[in-house]
């Protein structure tokens, strides 16, 4: 029996001057970090996600404040998530908060928080 549809969400700051490759790298960091958080919380959900095509969606926010607000909302709801802070080796200063990875987790719970965000 399948559980609620599972997906992963990555949210990227749109106000940073990141090249496409840099954005891709930050998304990759977010996917791995949040997956590890989700696996620690509920291995059944991550196994379902892995076996069902690994659905994910990439959204954007206007700035760091909006990203941190979402991070706190997911933490409050106890939904596994992870913030990405850049190492500062290329385009950004060290410690720049670039992205937020969430899940994989139940789509309904994710959509409740991210439903009004736009695609990257």
C-alpha atoms as a PDB file:
ATOM      1  CA  UNK A   1       0.000   0.000   0.000  1.00  0.00           C
ATOM      2  CA  UNK A   2       1.441   3.355  -1.035  1.00  0.00           C
ATOM      3  CA  UNK A   3       1.516   6.219   1.394  1.00  0.00           C
ATOM      4  CA  UNK A   4       0.600   9.811   0.473  1.00  0.00           C
ATOM      5  CA  UNK A   5       2.485  10.984  -2.646  1.00  0.00           C
ATOM      6  CA  UNK A   6       6.082  11.764  -1.716  1.00  0.00           C
ATOM      7  CA  UNK A   7       8.226  14.520  -3.191  1.00  0.00           C
ATOM      8  CA  UNK A   8      11.223  16.633  -2.412  1.00  0.00           C
ATOM      9  CA  UNK A   9      11.230  20.423  -2.616  1.00  0.00           C
ATOM     10  CA  UNK A  10      14.244  22.667  -3.136  1.00  0.00           C
ATOM     11  CA  UNK A  11      13.869  26.400  -2.644  1.00  0.00           C
ATOM     12  CA  UNK A  12      16.526  28.727  -4.077  1.00  0.00           C
ATOM     13  CA  UNK A  13      17.172  32.401  -3.393  1.00  0.00           C
ATOM     14  CA  UNK A  14      16.505  34.415  -6.546  1.00  0.00           C
ATOM     15  CA  UNK A  15      18.302  37.555  -5.325  1.00  0.00           C
ATOM     16  CA  UNK A  16      21.810  36.123  -5.558  1.00  0.00           C
ATOM     17  CA  UNK A  17      23.875  36.557  -8.699  1.00  0.00           C
ATOM     18  CA  UNK A  18      24.567  32.848  -9.199  1.00  0.00           C
ATOM     19  CA  UNK A  19      25.362  31.321 -12.568  1.00  0.00           C
ATOM     20  CA  UNK A  20      23.381  28.302 -13.780  1.00  0.00           C
ATOM     21  CA  UNK A  21      26.107  25.893 -12.748  1.00  0.00           C
ATOM     22  CA  UNK A  22      26.312  27.420  -9.280  1.00  0.00           C
ATOM     23  CA  UNK A  23      22.522  27.155  -8.895  1.00  0.00           C
ATOM     24  CA  UNK A  24      22.698  23.513  -9.967  1.00  0.00           C
ATOM     25  CA  UNK A  25      25.412  22.814  -7.396  1.00  0.00           C
ATOM     26  CA  UNK A  26      23.392  24.457  -4.611  1.00  0.00           C
ATOM     27  CA  UNK A  27      20.335  22.418  -5.585  1.00  0.00           C
ATOM     28  CA  UNK A  28      22.477  19.279  -5.479  1.00  0.00           C
ATOM     29  CA  UNK A  29      23.662  20.130  -1.963  1.00  0.00           C
ATOM     30  CA  UNK A  30      20.074  20.749  -0.845  1.00  0.00           C
ATOM     31  CA  UNK A  31      18.840  17.449  -2.316  1.00  0.00           C
ATOM     32  CA  UNK A  32      21.479  15.395  -0.506  1.00  0.00           C
ATOM     33  CA  UNK A  33      21.334  17.210   2.822  1.00  0.00           C
ATOM     34  CA  UNK A  34      17.556  17.142   3.107  1.00  0.00           C
ATOM     35  CA  UNK A  35      17.391  13.513   1.928  1.00  0.00           C
ATOM     36  CA  UNK A  36      19.701  12.538   4.788  1.00  0.00           C
ATOM     37  CA  UNK A  37      17.477  14.410   7.260  1.00  0.00           C
ATOM     38  CA  UNK A  38      14.366  12.678   5.888  1.00  0.00           C
ATOM     39  CA  UNK A  39      16.005   9.264   6.010  1.00  0.00           C
ATOM     40  CA  UNK A  40      16.855   9.778   9.688  1.00  0.00           C
ATOM     41  CA  UNK A  41      13.264  10.779  10.433  1.00  0.00           C
ATOM     42  CA  UNK A  42      11.339   8.140   8.441  1.00  0.00           C
ATOM     43  CA  UNK A  43      13.139   5.536   6.320  1.00  0.00           C
ATOM     44  CA  UNK A  44       9.816   4.237   4.992  1.00  0.00           C
ATOM     45  CA  UNK A  45       9.118   7.586   3.317  1.00  0.00           C
ATOM     46  CA  UNK A  46      12.552   7.808   1.711  1.00  0.00           C
ATOM     47  CA  UNK A  47      12.316   4.235   0.422  1.00  0.00           C
ATOM     48  CA  UNK A  48       8.916   5.016  -1.109  1.00  0.00           C
ATOM     49  CA  UNK A  49      10.386   8.136  -2.755  1.00  0.00           C
ATOM     50  CA  UNK A  50      13.388   6.256  -4.131  1.00  0.00           C
ATOM     51  CA  UNK A  51      11.185   3.536  -5.624  1.00  0.00           C
ATOM     52  CA  UNK A  52       8.615   5.916  -7.116  1.00  0.00           C
ATOM     53  CA  UNK A  53      10.763   8.108  -9.360  1.00  0.00           C
ATOM     54  CA  UNK A  54      12.239  10.577  -6.854  1.00  0.00           C
ATOM     55  CA  UNK A  55       9.805  13.398  -7.631  1.00  0.00           C
ATOM     56  CA  UNK A  56      11.181  16.841  -6.856  1.00  0.00           C
ATOM     57  CA  UNK A  57      10.303  20.446  -7.530  1.00  0.00           C
ATOM     58  CA  UNK A  58      12.505  23.544  -7.476  1.00  0.00           C
ATOM     59  CA  UNK A  59      10.985  26.811  -6.310  1.00  0.00           C
ATOM     60  CA  UNK A  60      12.317  30.303  -5.634  1.00  0.00           C
ATOM     61  CA  UNK A  61      12.079  32.993  -2.995  1.00  0.00           C
ATOM     62  CA  UNK A  62      12.982  36.658  -3.160  1.00  0.00           C
ATOM     63  CA  UNK A  63      15.628  36.812  -0.429  1.00  0.00           C
ATOM     64  CA  UNK A  64      17.321  35.239   2.591  1.00  0.00           C
ATOM     65  CA  UNK A  65      14.628  36.407   4.999  1.00  0.00           C
ATOM     66  CA  UNK A  66      11.945  34.534   3.039  1.00  0.00           C
ATOM     67  CA  UNK A  67      14.111  31.398   2.918  1.00  0.00           C
ATOM     68  CA  UNK A  68      14.762  31.430   6.663  1.00  0.00           C
ATOM     69  CA  UNK A  69      11.068  31.989   7.375  1.00  0.00           C
ATOM     70  CA  UNK A  70      10.256  28.848   5.364  1.00  0.00           C
ATOM     71  CA  UNK A  71      13.016  26.907   7.097  1.00  0.00           C
ATOM     72  CA  UNK A  72      11.554  27.801  10.487  1.00  0.00           C
ATOM     73  CA  UNK A  73       8.046  26.836   9.309  1.00  0.00           C
ATOM     74  CA  UNK A  74       9.246  23.389   8.216  1.00  0.00           C
ATOM     75  CA  UNK A  75      11.128  22.923  11.470  1.00  0.00           C
ATOM     76  CA  UNK A  76       8.025  23.909  13.456  1.00  0.00           C
ATOM     77  CA  UNK A  77       6.005  21.293  11.554  1.00  0.00           C
ATOM     78  CA  UNK A  78       8.798  18.740  12.128  1.00  0.00           C
ATOM     79  CA  UNK A  79       9.297  18.226   8.397  1.00  0.00           C
ATOM     80  CA  UNK A  80      12.890  17.228   7.590  1.00  0.00           C
ATOM     81  CA  UNK A  81      14.812  20.021   5.891  1.00  0.00           C
ATOM     82  CA  UNK A  82      18.309  21.440   5.491  1.00  0.00           C
ATOM     83  CA  UNK A  83      19.723  24.883   4.784  1.00  0.00           C
ATOM     84  CA  UNK A  84      22.631  25.230   2.335  1.00  0.00           C
ATOM     85  CA  UNK A  85      25.366  27.723   3.179  1.00  0.00           C
ATOM     86  CA  UNK A  86      27.955  28.229   0.448  1.00  0.00           C
ATOM     87  CA  UNK A  87      31.624  27.555   1.177  1.00  0.00           C
ATOM     88  CA  UNK A  88      32.587  30.741  -0.651  1.00  0.00           C
ATOM     89  CA  UNK A  89      35.101  29.183  -3.011  1.00  0.00           C
ATOM     90  CA  UNK A  90      33.737  30.707  -6.232  1.00  0.00           C
ATOM     91  CA  UNK A  91      30.911  33.206  -6.760  1.00  0.00           C
ATOM     92  CA  UNK A  92      29.642  33.991  -3.256  1.00  0.00           C
ATOM     93  CA  UNK A  93      31.079  35.067   0.101  1.00  0.00           C
ATOM     94  CA  UNK A  94      31.629  32.210   2.586  1.00  0.00           C
ATOM     95  CA  UNK A  95      28.525  31.327   4.555  1.00  0.00           C
ATOM     96  CA  UNK A  96      26.005  32.783   2.095  1.00  0.00           C
ATOM     97  CA  UNK A  97      22.666  31.031   2.578  1.00  0.00           C
ATOM     98  CA  UNK A  98      21.641  29.894  -0.909  1.00  0.00           C
ATOM     99  CA  UNK A  99      18.981  27.193  -0.751  1.00  0.00           C
ATOM    100  CA  UNK A 100      16.698  25.066   1.366  1.00  0.00           C
ATOM    101  CA  UNK A 101      16.053  21.388   0.772  1.00  0.00           C
ATOM    102  CA  UNK A 102      12.889  19.810   2.162  1.00  0.00           C
ATOM    103  CA  UNK A 103      12.068  16.118   2.315  1.00  0.00           C
ATOM    104  CA  UNK A 104      11.377  13.874   0.572  1.00  0.00           C
ATOM    105  CA  UNK A 105       8.140  14.056   2.482  1.00  0.00           C
ATOM    106  CA  UNK A 106       4.361  13.920   2.101  1.00  0.00           C
ATOM    107  CA  UNK A 107       3.294  16.270  -0.695  1.00  0.00           C
ATOM    108  CA  UNK A 108       0.252  17.588   1.143  1.00  0.00           C
ATOM    109  CA  UNK A 109       2.333  18.748   4.085  1.00  0.00           C
ATOM    110  CA  UNK A 110       4.898  20.391   1.795  1.00  0.00           C
ATOM    111  CA  UNK A 111       2.291  22.084  -0.392  1.00  0.00           C
ATOM    112  CA  UNK A 112       0.623  23.608   2.661  1.00  0.00           C
ATOM    113  CA  UNK A 113       3.791  25.677   3.232  1.00  0.00           C
ATOM    114  CA  UNK A 114       5.106  26.115  -0.335  1.00  0.00           C
ATOM    115  CA  UNK A 115       1.858  26.305  -2.323  1.00  0.00           C
ATOM    116  CA  UNK A 116       2.197  29.972  -3.269  1.00  0.00           C
ATOM    117  CA  UNK A 117       5.860  29.911  -4.319  1.00  0.00           C
ATOM    118  CA  UNK A 118       6.832  30.158  -7.987  1.00  0.00           C
ATOM    119  CA  UNK A 119       8.983  27.739  -9.947  1.00  0.00           C
ATOM    120  CA  UNK A 120      12.650  28.683 -10.327  1.00  0.00           C
END
